[in-house]
């Protein structure tokens, strides 16, 4: 009888659906609050005190110019690495921009990025990146000698990268995290272009880029002071998709105009912020960048990598790209007194929980398929990602087509690669799939890009 009861118990247990992972990873609450206001103040001050960090400025001085700034950043990454037992690979990545490629680089110039990689324990080639810009400028984009402190644009973003590295190197993750200082942004996004090419060359599995450009200002030209919101810019799909006839036909008939990889990465940042922070409202902006302007995530999008921009909600244009001066009672220039360091710490925390969540999660499914035309139910099928990271299972998501966020999800245990929403008509909803780890960390959602082959269920 005992043997029969044990067997019955085993059969019943096997028949029950696998339990979904926990809804939150407790570590991320601590990580969100960990960035230090004092350290950010010190780092932003240090960067501003290099006088100018213009891409064409002095590279030999130890106290002034972009050369001194990037060497200090390199050394700071090395100091962080020493405190975690050598857990960072720190290196320069450089590319030569020739004269004539752009009017903003009149002479051949080495554009030098500083990179530090915290390798994952299971998938070291799978990388999520946070970047900030090293360089600064004033009114004349060719003026490389006059003072250009660039306190908010973009010492704030660069300091955020350093602080995120200090916080996250106290932990280990299955996937890798890259902390990056990019140069040449003000001259034409050349640092990003060079590193995107390098990432393709080295065959990085680059999950996405969090470009932080101005994360320290809370009082805008619109007269609003706000330290409780921030913007996340993302474009709907990769530029090359525009010329891909198959993708265009699929998008026209099946939707997905706002569901490309960068847009899903933006939604992920939004979800992490709502889950793990307090008094901070993320604002999704459905644009590549601010109207008519650009940032250093764009070259990665151009290369086929997801990339978004994280920044303050209210900009003050009198402090951006301005000669230091006072006119008609208005003080122009990007100086330290305009940076709100607690706000920069909040946005650094947003980056840290995004990096940690994606580095801890399995990679997203490489392909998601959908079916259900003229059927009473919607069907999803997907491919399992190639990974050494443990997968607890998958979430299948759905939302009304006009909803900005995924509103519903169902858990599917590992080993099963399909799901049918019974009596949920495919016409009325958008669907997607994400991977999830046993500790509850979830990848971003992947939107279906093809139909389930005919004749299969």
Protein backbone atom coordinates (compact mmCIF):
# COMPACT_ATOMS: atom_id res chain seq x y z
CA UNK A 1 0.00 0.00 0.00
CA UNK A 2 2.83 2.39 0.93
CA UNK A 3 4.51 1.77 -2.44
CA UNK A 4 1.22 2.41 -4.24
CA UNK A 5 0.66 5.68 -2.36
CA UNK A 6 4.22 6.83 -3.12
CA UNK A 7 3.71 6.01 -6.80
CA UNK A 8 0.36 7.81 -6.83
CA UNK A 9 1.93 10.84 -5.15
CA UNK A 10 4.70 10.86 -7.77
CA UNK A 11 2.22 10.62 -10.65
CA UNK A 12 0.04 13.39 -9.24
CA UNK A 13 3.05 15.64 -8.68
CA UNK A 14 4.23 15.05 -12.23
CA UNK A 15 0.79 15.94 -13.54
CA UNK A 16 0.68 19.26 -11.73
CA UNK A 17 1.98 22.31 -13.60
CA UNK A 18 5.46 23.48 -12.59
CA UNK A 19 5.45 26.34 -10.13
CA UNK A 20 6.34 29.76 -11.53
CA UNK A 21 9.52 31.39 -10.19
CA UNK A 22 9.25 34.14 -7.55
CA UNK A 23 7.90 37.48 -8.76
CA UNK A 24 10.96 39.44 -7.60
CA UNK A 25 14.66 39.03 -6.85
CA UNK A 26 15.28 40.58 -3.38
CA UNK A 27 18.84 41.56 -4.33
CA UNK A 28 17.54 44.11 -6.81
CA UNK A 29 15.81 46.17 -4.12
CA UNK A 30 19.20 46.63 -2.47
CA UNK A 31 20.91 47.34 -5.80
CA UNK A 32 18.38 50.06 -6.68
CA UNK A 33 19.27 51.99 -3.51
CA UNK A 34 23.01 51.27 -3.51
CA UNK A 35 24.47 54.08 -5.72
CA UNK A 36 26.23 56.66 -3.56
CA UNK A 37 25.35 60.34 -3.92
CA UNK A 38 28.75 61.30 -2.50
CA UNK A 39 30.71 59.16 -4.94
CA UNK A 40 28.72 60.50 -7.87
CA UNK A 41 29.40 64.05 -6.70
CA UNK A 42 33.13 63.27 -6.45
CA UNK A 43 33.30 61.66 -9.89
CA UNK A 44 31.26 64.33 -11.69
CA UNK A 45 33.40 67.00 -10.04
CA UNK A 46 36.57 65.22 -11.06
CA UNK A 47 35.45 64.95 -14.67
CA UNK A 48 34.33 68.58 -14.84
CA UNK A 49 37.69 69.69 -13.39
CA UNK A 50 39.58 68.36 -16.40
CA UNK A 51 38.63 71.74 -17.91
CA UNK A 52 37.58 70.37 -21.27
CA UNK A 53 37.03 66.84 -22.48
CA UNK A 54 36.54 67.80 -26.11
CA UNK A 55 37.40 64.94 -28.48
CA UNK A 56 40.05 67.13 -30.17
CA UNK A 57 41.52 68.43 -26.89
CA UNK A 58 44.92 67.70 -25.34
CA UNK A 59 45.74 64.00 -25.00
CA UNK A 60 49.13 64.31 -23.27
CA UNK A 61 48.42 66.43 -20.18
CA UNK A 62 47.73 64.63 -16.91
CA UNK A 63 45.37 67.33 -15.67
CA UNK A 64 43.48 68.74 -18.65
CA UNK A 65 41.81 67.38 -21.77
CA UNK A 66 40.24 64.16 -22.94
CA UNK A 67 43.46 62.17 -22.63
CA UNK A 68 43.68 62.88 -18.90
CA UNK A 69 39.95 62.13 -18.50
CA UNK A 70 40.02 58.76 -20.22
CA UNK A 71 43.18 57.68 -18.36
CA UNK A 72 41.50 58.57 -15.07
CA UNK A 73 38.41 56.55 -16.08
CA UNK A 74 40.64 53.60 -17.03
CA UNK A 75 42.46 53.82 -13.69
CA UNK A 76 39.16 54.07 -11.83
CA UNK A 77 37.91 50.89 -13.51
CA UNK A 78 41.16 49.23 -12.48
CA UNK A 79 40.66 50.35 -8.86
CA UNK A 80 37.12 48.94 -8.92
CA UNK A 81 38.50 45.70 -10.34
CA UNK A 82 41.12 45.43 -7.60
CA UNK A 83 38.39 45.67 -4.96
CA UNK A 84 36.57 42.68 -6.48
CA UNK A 85 39.64 40.50 -6.95
CA UNK A 86 40.29 41.39 -10.59
CA UNK A 87 36.71 40.80 -11.79
CA UNK A 88 36.89 43.42 -14.58
CA UNK A 89 38.63 43.19 -17.94
CA UNK A 90 39.65 46.80 -18.59
CA UNK A 91 40.88 47.98 -21.99
CA UNK A 92 40.90 50.82 -24.49
CA UNK A 93 39.06 50.36 -27.77
CA UNK A 94 40.04 52.87 -30.43
CA UNK A 95 39.33 53.74 -34.02
CA UNK A 96 40.91 56.32 -36.32
CA UNK A 97 38.61 58.94 -37.84
CA UNK A 98 40.20 60.42 -40.95
CA UNK A 99 40.13 64.08 -41.90
CA UNK A 100 37.16 64.87 -44.11
CA UNK A 101 34.87 62.16 -42.74
CA UNK A 102 33.05 64.92 -40.90
CA UNK A 103 33.43 68.69 -40.68
CA UNK A 104 33.74 68.30 -36.90
CA UNK A 105 37.02 66.33 -37.15
CA UNK A 106 39.34 68.39 -39.40
CA UNK A 107 42.44 66.28 -38.70
CA UNK A 108 42.98 62.51 -38.34
CA UNK A 109 41.93 61.69 -34.77
CA UNK A 110 41.95 58.60 -32.62
CA UNK A 111 38.59 58.22 -30.92
CA UNK A 112 39.25 56.17 -27.80
CA UNK A 113 36.67 54.37 -25.68
CA UNK A 114 37.26 52.87 -22.23
CA UNK A 115 35.67 49.46 -21.64
CA UNK A 116 35.39 47.30 -18.51
CA UNK A 117 33.70 43.89 -18.73
CA UNK A 118 32.46 41.88 -15.76
CA UNK A 119 32.34 38.38 -17.20
CA UNK A 120 29.38 36.15 -16.49
CA UNK A 121 29.78 32.82 -14.75
CA UNK A 122 27.73 30.81 -17.30
CA UNK A 123 27.45 32.85 -20.51
CA UNK A 124 30.52 35.12 -20.66
CA UNK A 125 29.91 36.19 -24.26
CA UNK A 126 26.34 37.34 -23.52
CA UNK A 127 26.65 41.04 -22.66
CA UNK A 128 24.39 43.83 -21.49
CA UNK A 129 26.06 47.25 -21.71
CA UNK A 130 25.77 50.57 -19.89
CA UNK A 131 27.47 53.56 -21.51
CA UNK A 132 28.15 57.21 -20.82
CA UNK A 133 30.02 59.79 -22.90
CA UNK A 134 33.48 60.99 -21.95
CA UNK A 135 33.62 64.03 -24.23
CA UNK A 136 32.18 67.53 -23.80
CA UNK A 137 31.78 70.65 -25.96
CA UNK A 138 30.69 74.29 -25.88
CA UNK A 139 29.01 76.48 -28.53
CA UNK A 140 31.57 75.94 -31.30
CA UNK A 141 31.87 72.18 -31.89
CA UNK A 142 35.48 72.71 -33.02
CA UNK A 143 36.56 74.68 -29.93
CA UNK A 144 38.80 72.17 -28.15
CA UNK A 145 40.71 74.58 -25.92
CA UNK A 146 38.28 76.73 -23.92
CA UNK A 147 36.70 75.46 -20.73
CA UNK A 148 33.92 72.94 -21.33
CA UNK A 149 33.13 71.34 -17.96
CA UNK A 150 30.26 69.19 -19.30
CA UNK A 151 29.05 68.50 -15.76
CA UNK A 152 25.64 67.17 -16.74
CA UNK A 153 26.40 66.53 -20.44
CA UNK A 154 27.84 64.08 -19.87
CA UNK A 155 29.93 63.72 -16.74
CA UNK A 156 26.70 62.66 -15.04
CA UNK A 157 26.26 59.66 -17.36
CA UNK A 158 29.93 58.70 -17.21
CA UNK A 159 29.96 58.90 -13.42
CA UNK A 160 26.82 56.76 -13.38
CA UNK A 161 28.65 54.05 -15.33
CA UNK A 162 31.52 54.04 -12.82
CA UNK A 163 29.14 53.90 -9.87
CA UNK A 164 27.08 51.09 -11.40
CA UNK A 165 30.33 49.13 -11.76
CA UNK A 166 31.15 49.68 -8.08
CA UNK A 167 27.71 48.44 -7.06
CA UNK A 168 27.39 45.42 -9.35
CA UNK A 169 30.91 44.02 -9.01
CA UNK A 170 29.87 43.00 -5.51
CA UNK A 171 27.70 40.34 -7.16
CA UNK A 172 28.11 37.56 -9.69
CA UNK A 173 25.76 36.97 -12.61
CA UNK A 174 25.41 34.27 -15.27
CA UNK A 175 25.73 36.85 -18.07
CA UNK A 176 28.32 39.58 -18.57
CA UNK A 177 28.04 43.33 -18.00
CA UNK A 178 30.04 45.93 -19.94
CA UNK A 179 30.64 49.35 -18.42
CA UNK A 180 31.72 51.77 -21.13
CA UNK A 181 32.94 55.34 -21.58
CA UNK A 182 32.41 56.42 -25.20
CA UNK A 183 34.28 59.26 -26.91
CA UNK A 184 33.49 61.30 -30.00
CA UNK A 185 29.76 61.68 -29.29
CA UNK A 186 29.69 65.42 -29.91
CA UNK A 187 31.66 65.04 -33.16
CA UNK A 188 29.30 62.54 -34.76
CA UNK A 189 28.77 59.47 -32.53
CA UNK A 190 32.15 58.04 -33.54
CA UNK A 191 32.88 56.20 -30.30
CA UNK A 192 29.63 54.27 -30.57
CA UNK A 193 30.23 53.49 -34.23
CA UNK A 194 33.67 52.11 -33.44
CA UNK A 195 32.53 49.99 -30.51
CA UNK A 196 29.51 48.63 -32.40
CA UNK A 197 31.86 47.48 -35.18
CA UNK A 198 34.18 45.97 -32.56
CA UNK A 199 31.25 44.10 -30.93
CA UNK A 200 30.28 42.59 -34.30
CA UNK A 201 33.90 41.71 -35.06
CA UNK A 202 34.28 39.94 -31.70
CA UNK A 203 30.86 38.29 -32.11
CA UNK A 204 29.52 39.63 -28.85
CA UNK A 205 26.02 38.45 -28.00
CA UNK A 206 25.07 42.03 -27.16
CA UNK A 207 21.61 41.98 -25.55
CA UNK A 208 21.34 45.74 -25.49
CA UNK A 209 22.89 49.12 -24.75
CA UNK A 210 21.72 51.52 -22.04
CA UNK A 211 22.98 54.89 -23.22
CA UNK A 212 23.02 57.38 -20.34
CA UNK A 213 23.27 60.93 -21.62
CA UNK A 214 22.38 63.66 -19.09
CA UNK A 215 20.99 62.07 -15.93
CA UNK A 216 21.57 64.94 -13.50
CA UNK A 217 19.31 67.91 -14.29
CA UNK A 218 15.89 68.37 -12.67
CA UNK A 219 14.94 71.96 -13.64
CA UNK A 220 14.05 72.48 -17.29
CA UNK A 221 13.59 75.39 -19.64
CA UNK A 222 9.87 74.67 -19.36
CA UNK A 223 9.97 75.99 -15.79
CA UNK A 224 9.32 72.60 -14.21
CA UNK A 225 11.44 71.13 -11.44
CA UNK A 226 10.98 67.36 -11.23
CA UNK A 227 13.20 64.76 -9.59
CA UNK A 228 10.67 61.91 -9.77
CA UNK A 229 10.55 61.01 -13.46
CA UNK A 230 12.88 60.20 -16.33
CA UNK A 231 12.65 59.39 -20.03
CA UNK A 232 13.43 56.21 -21.94
CA UNK A 233 13.86 56.78 -25.68
CA UNK A 234 13.63 53.86 -28.10
CA UNK A 235 13.01 53.37 -31.79
CA UNK A 236 10.46 50.82 -32.99
CA UNK A 237 12.74 48.57 -35.05
CA UNK A 238 16.15 48.51 -36.70
CA UNK A 239 16.80 50.91 -39.60
CA UNK A 240 17.63 48.03 -41.97
CA UNK A 241 14.15 46.62 -41.41
CA UNK A 242 12.76 49.44 -43.56
CA UNK A 243 14.33 47.91 -46.66
CA UNK A 244 13.48 44.30 -45.74
CA UNK A 245 10.41 43.47 -47.83
CA UNK A 246 9.55 40.33 -45.87
CA UNK A 247 9.59 42.18 -42.54
CA UNK A 248 7.58 45.05 -43.94
CA UNK A 249 4.88 42.74 -45.28
CA UNK A 250 4.72 40.85 -42.01
CA UNK A 251 4.53 44.06 -39.97
CA UNK A 252 1.82 45.49 -42.21
CA UNK A 253 -0.51 42.53 -41.82
CA UNK A 254 0.38 41.26 -38.36
CA UNK A 255 1.41 44.40 -36.43
CA UNK A 256 4.53 45.04 -34.42
CA UNK A 257 5.16 48.66 -35.39
CA UNK A 258 6.03 49.42 -31.76
CA UNK A 259 7.47 46.06 -30.79
CA UNK A 260 11.06 45.85 -32.04
CA UNK A 261 13.94 44.77 -29.76
CA UNK A 262 14.86 48.30 -28.61
CA UNK A 263 11.25 49.01 -27.70
CA UNK A 264 11.13 45.76 -25.69
CA UNK A 265 14.33 46.78 -23.90
CA UNK A 266 12.72 50.11 -23.03
CA UNK A 267 9.67 48.31 -21.64
CA UNK A 268 11.99 46.15 -19.56
CA UNK A 269 13.61 49.24 -17.98
CA UNK A 270 10.13 50.58 -17.25
CA UNK A 271 9.06 47.31 -15.63
CA UNK A 272 12.20 47.05 -13.48
CA UNK A 273 11.78 50.63 -12.31
CA UNK A 274 8.16 50.12 -11.29
CA UNK A 275 9.05 46.85 -9.54
CA UNK A 276 12.16 47.83 -7.62
CA UNK A 277 12.19 51.61 -7.01
CA UNK A 278 10.01 54.12 -5.20
CA UNK A 279 9.00 57.67 -6.11
CA UNK A 280 10.35 57.34 -9.63
CA UNK A 281 8.12 57.34 -12.71
CA UNK A 282 9.60 56.06 -15.99
CA UNK A 283 8.32 57.73 -19.15
CA UNK A 284 8.45 55.73 -22.39
CA UNK A 285 9.08 57.98 -25.40
CA UNK A 286 8.40 56.35 -28.76
CA UNK A 287 11.27 58.06 -30.61
CA UNK A 288 14.88 57.18 -31.32
CA UNK A 289 15.88 60.32 -29.40
CA UNK A 290 14.73 63.86 -28.74
CA UNK A 291 13.12 65.55 -31.72
CA UNK A 292 15.72 66.12 -34.45
CA UNK A 293 18.62 65.12 -32.18
CA UNK A 294 20.74 62.05 -31.57
CA UNK A 295 22.65 59.98 -29.02
CA UNK A 296 25.18 57.23 -28.70
CA UNK A 297 22.69 54.34 -28.74
CA UNK A 298 21.99 55.08 -32.40
CA UNK A 299 25.16 53.48 -33.84
CA UNK A 300 24.30 50.26 -32.00
CA UNK A 301 20.77 50.30 -33.44
CA UNK A 302 22.33 50.86 -36.88
CA UNK A 303 24.49 47.76 -36.31
CA UNK A 304 21.45 45.64 -35.35
CA UNK A 305 21.77 45.76 -31.55
CA UNK A 306 18.98 46.89 -29.20
CA UNK A 307 19.78 50.29 -27.72
CA UNK A 308 17.93 52.94 -25.74
CA UNK A 309 18.60 56.33 -24.16
CA UNK A 310 17.98 56.96 -20.46
CA UNK A 311 17.91 60.59 -19.38
CA UNK A 312 16.27 63.34 -17.37
CA UNK A 313 12.73 64.46 -18.21
CA UNK A 314 13.29 68.22 -18.20
CA UNK A 315 16.31 69.58 -20.09
CA UNK A 316 17.75 73.06 -19.75
CA UNK A 317 19.17 74.15 -23.10
CA UNK A 318 20.96 77.16 -21.57
CA UNK A 319 23.30 74.64 -19.97
CA UNK A 320 23.96 72.46 -23.04
CA UNK A 321 26.67 73.14 -25.64
CA UNK A 322 27.09 76.70 -24.35
CA UNK A 323 30.08 78.98 -23.84
CA UNK A 324 30.41 79.87 -20.16
CA UNK A 325 28.88 83.35 -19.86
CA UNK A 326 26.05 85.47 -18.44
CA UNK A 327 23.74 87.34 -20.82
CA UNK A 328 20.57 89.26 -19.94
CA UNK A 329 20.68 87.80 -16.48
CA UNK A 330 20.82 84.23 -17.78
CA UNK A 331 23.78 82.08 -16.76
CA UNK A 332 24.90 79.84 -19.61
CA UNK A 333 27.09 76.76 -19.34
CA UNK A 334 27.12 73.18 -18.14
CA UNK A 335 28.52 73.69 -14.63
CA UNK A 336 28.53 71.63 -11.46
CA UNK A 337 25.97 73.76 -9.63
CA UNK A 338 23.29 72.67 -12.08
CA UNK A 339 23.67 68.93 -11.33
CA UNK A 340 21.33 67.27 -8.84
CA UNK A 341 23.43 64.43 -7.44
CA UNK A 342 20.64 62.52 -5.63
CA UNK A 343 18.70 62.42 -8.90
CA UNK A 344 21.75 61.09 -10.74
CA UNK A 345 21.99 58.39 -8.07
CA UNK A 346 18.35 57.40 -8.67
CA UNK A 347 18.90 56.98 -12.41
CA UNK A 348 22.14 55.10 -11.79
CA UNK A 349 20.06 52.71 -9.66
CA UNK A 350 17.64 52.24 -12.57
CA UNK A 351 20.55 51.22 -14.79
CA UNK A 352 21.96 48.91 -12.12
CA UNK A 353 18.73 46.93 -11.66
CA UNK A 354 18.33 46.66 -15.43
CA UNK A 355 21.87 45.40 -15.89
CA UNK A 356 21.56 43.00 -12.96
CA UNK A 357 18.18 41.68 -14.08
CA UNK A 358 19.26 40.96 -17.64
CA UNK A 359 22.64 39.54 -16.58
CA UNK A 360 20.87 37.23 -14.10
CA UNK A 361 18.15 36.14 -16.54
CA UNK A 362 18.54 33.61 -19.34
CA UNK A 363 18.79 35.09 -22.83
CA UNK A 364 15.48 35.69 -24.61
CA UNK A 365 14.16 33.14 -27.12
CA UNK A 366 15.90 33.65 -30.47
CA UNK A 367 12.69 33.11 -32.46
CA UNK A 368 9.00 33.35 -31.61
CA UNK A 369 6.28 32.15 -34.01
CA UNK A 370 2.54 32.74 -33.92
CA UNK A 371 -0.57 31.12 -35.33
CA UNK A 372 -4.35 31.34 -34.99
CA UNK A 373 -5.66 32.82 -38.22
CA UNK A 374 -9.43 32.23 -38.39
CA UNK A 375 -9.18 30.06 -35.27
CA UNK A 376 -10.79 30.45 -31.82
CA UNK A 377 -7.41 30.44 -30.06
CA UNK A 378 -3.98 32.08 -30.39
CA UNK A 379 -0.97 29.78 -30.62
CA UNK A 380 2.66 30.60 -29.74
CA UNK A 381 5.76 28.55 -30.44
CA UNK A 382 9.38 29.51 -29.80
CA UNK A 383 12.95 28.28 -29.91
CA UNK A 384 14.94 27.68 -26.74
CA UNK A 385 17.97 29.95 -26.39
CA UNK A 386 21.44 28.43 -26.45
CA UNK A 387 22.74 29.09 -22.95
CA UNK A 388 24.47 27.64 -19.90
CA UNK A 389 22.20 29.71 -17.66
CA UNK A 390 19.45 27.69 -16.00
CA UNK A 391 15.99 28.31 -17.45
CA UNK A 392 13.01 27.73 -15.16
CA UNK A 393 10.66 28.32 -18.04
CA UNK A 394 9.04 31.01 -20.13
CA UNK A 395 6.36 33.64 -19.83
CA UNK A 396 3.94 34.08 -22.69
CA UNK A 397 2.65 37.64 -22.67
CA UNK A 398 -0.30 39.38 -24.25
CA UNK A 399 -1.86 42.83 -24.33
CA UNK A 400 -4.44 44.79 -26.25
CA UNK A 401 -2.90 46.28 -29.39
CA UNK A 402 -3.27 49.82 -28.01
CA UNK A 403 -1.65 49.07 -24.64
CA UNK A 404 1.91 50.43 -24.19
CA UNK A 405 2.91 47.66 -21.74
CA UNK A 406 2.48 43.91 -21.51
CA UNK A 407 -0.50 43.45 -19.21
CA UNK A 408 -0.94 39.66 -18.84
CA UNK A 409 1.37 36.67 -18.79
CA UNK A 410 1.26 32.90 -18.26
CA UNK A 411 4.10 30.66 -17.08
CA UNK A 412 5.26 27.72 -19.20
CA UNK A 413 7.81 25.36 -17.59
CA UNK A 414 11.17 24.64 -19.21
CA UNK A 415 11.10 21.91 -21.82
CA UNK A 416 7.79 23.05 -23.25
CA UNK A 417 8.15 25.42 -26.22
CA UNK A 418 4.57 26.22 -27.15
CA UNK A 419 1.40 27.56 -25.61
CA UNK A 420 -2.19 28.00 -26.75
CA UNK A 421 -4.45 30.73 -25.40
CA UNK A 422 -7.79 28.95 -25.59
CA UNK A 423 -10.64 31.17 -26.78
CA UNK A 424 -8.39 34.22 -27.03
CA UNK A 425 -8.70 35.44 -30.61
CA UNK A 426 -5.36 36.37 -32.11
CA UNK A 427 -6.84 39.36 -33.99
CA UNK A 428 -7.39 41.43 -30.87
CA UNK A 429 -4.07 41.16 -29.04
CA UNK A 430 -0.32 41.33 -29.36
CA UNK A 431 1.73 38.43 -27.99
CA UNK A 432 5.34 37.77 -26.96
CA UNK A 433 7.60 35.39 -25.04
CA UNK A 434 10.36 35.88 -22.46
CA UNK A 435 12.70 33.47 -20.64
CA UNK A 436 12.85 33.34 -16.84
CA UNK A 437 15.40 32.02 -14.34
CA UNK A 438 14.63 30.08 -11.14
CA UNK A 439 15.24 33.23 -9.07
CA UNK A 440 12.62 35.16 -11.05
CA UNK A 441 14.79 37.27 -13.32
CA UNK A 442 13.21 37.56 -16.72
CA UNK A 443 14.58 38.45 -20.15
CA UNK A 444 12.92 41.13 -22.19
CA UNK A 445 9.99 40.02 -24.34
CA UNK A 446 10.44 38.82 -27.92
CA UNK A 447 7.68 39.67 -30.39
CA UNK A 448 6.69 37.00 -32.96
CA UNK A 449 8.39 37.53 -36.31
CA UNK A 450 7.00 34.62 -38.32
CA UNK A 451 4.01 32.31 -38.61
CA UNK A 452 3.92 28.78 -37.24
CA UNK A 453 4.37 26.57 -40.32
CA UNK A 454 1.14 25.30 -41.81
CA UNK A 455 0.12 21.79 -40.91
CA UNK A 456 1.77 21.94 -37.46
CA UNK A 457 0.20 22.55 -34.07
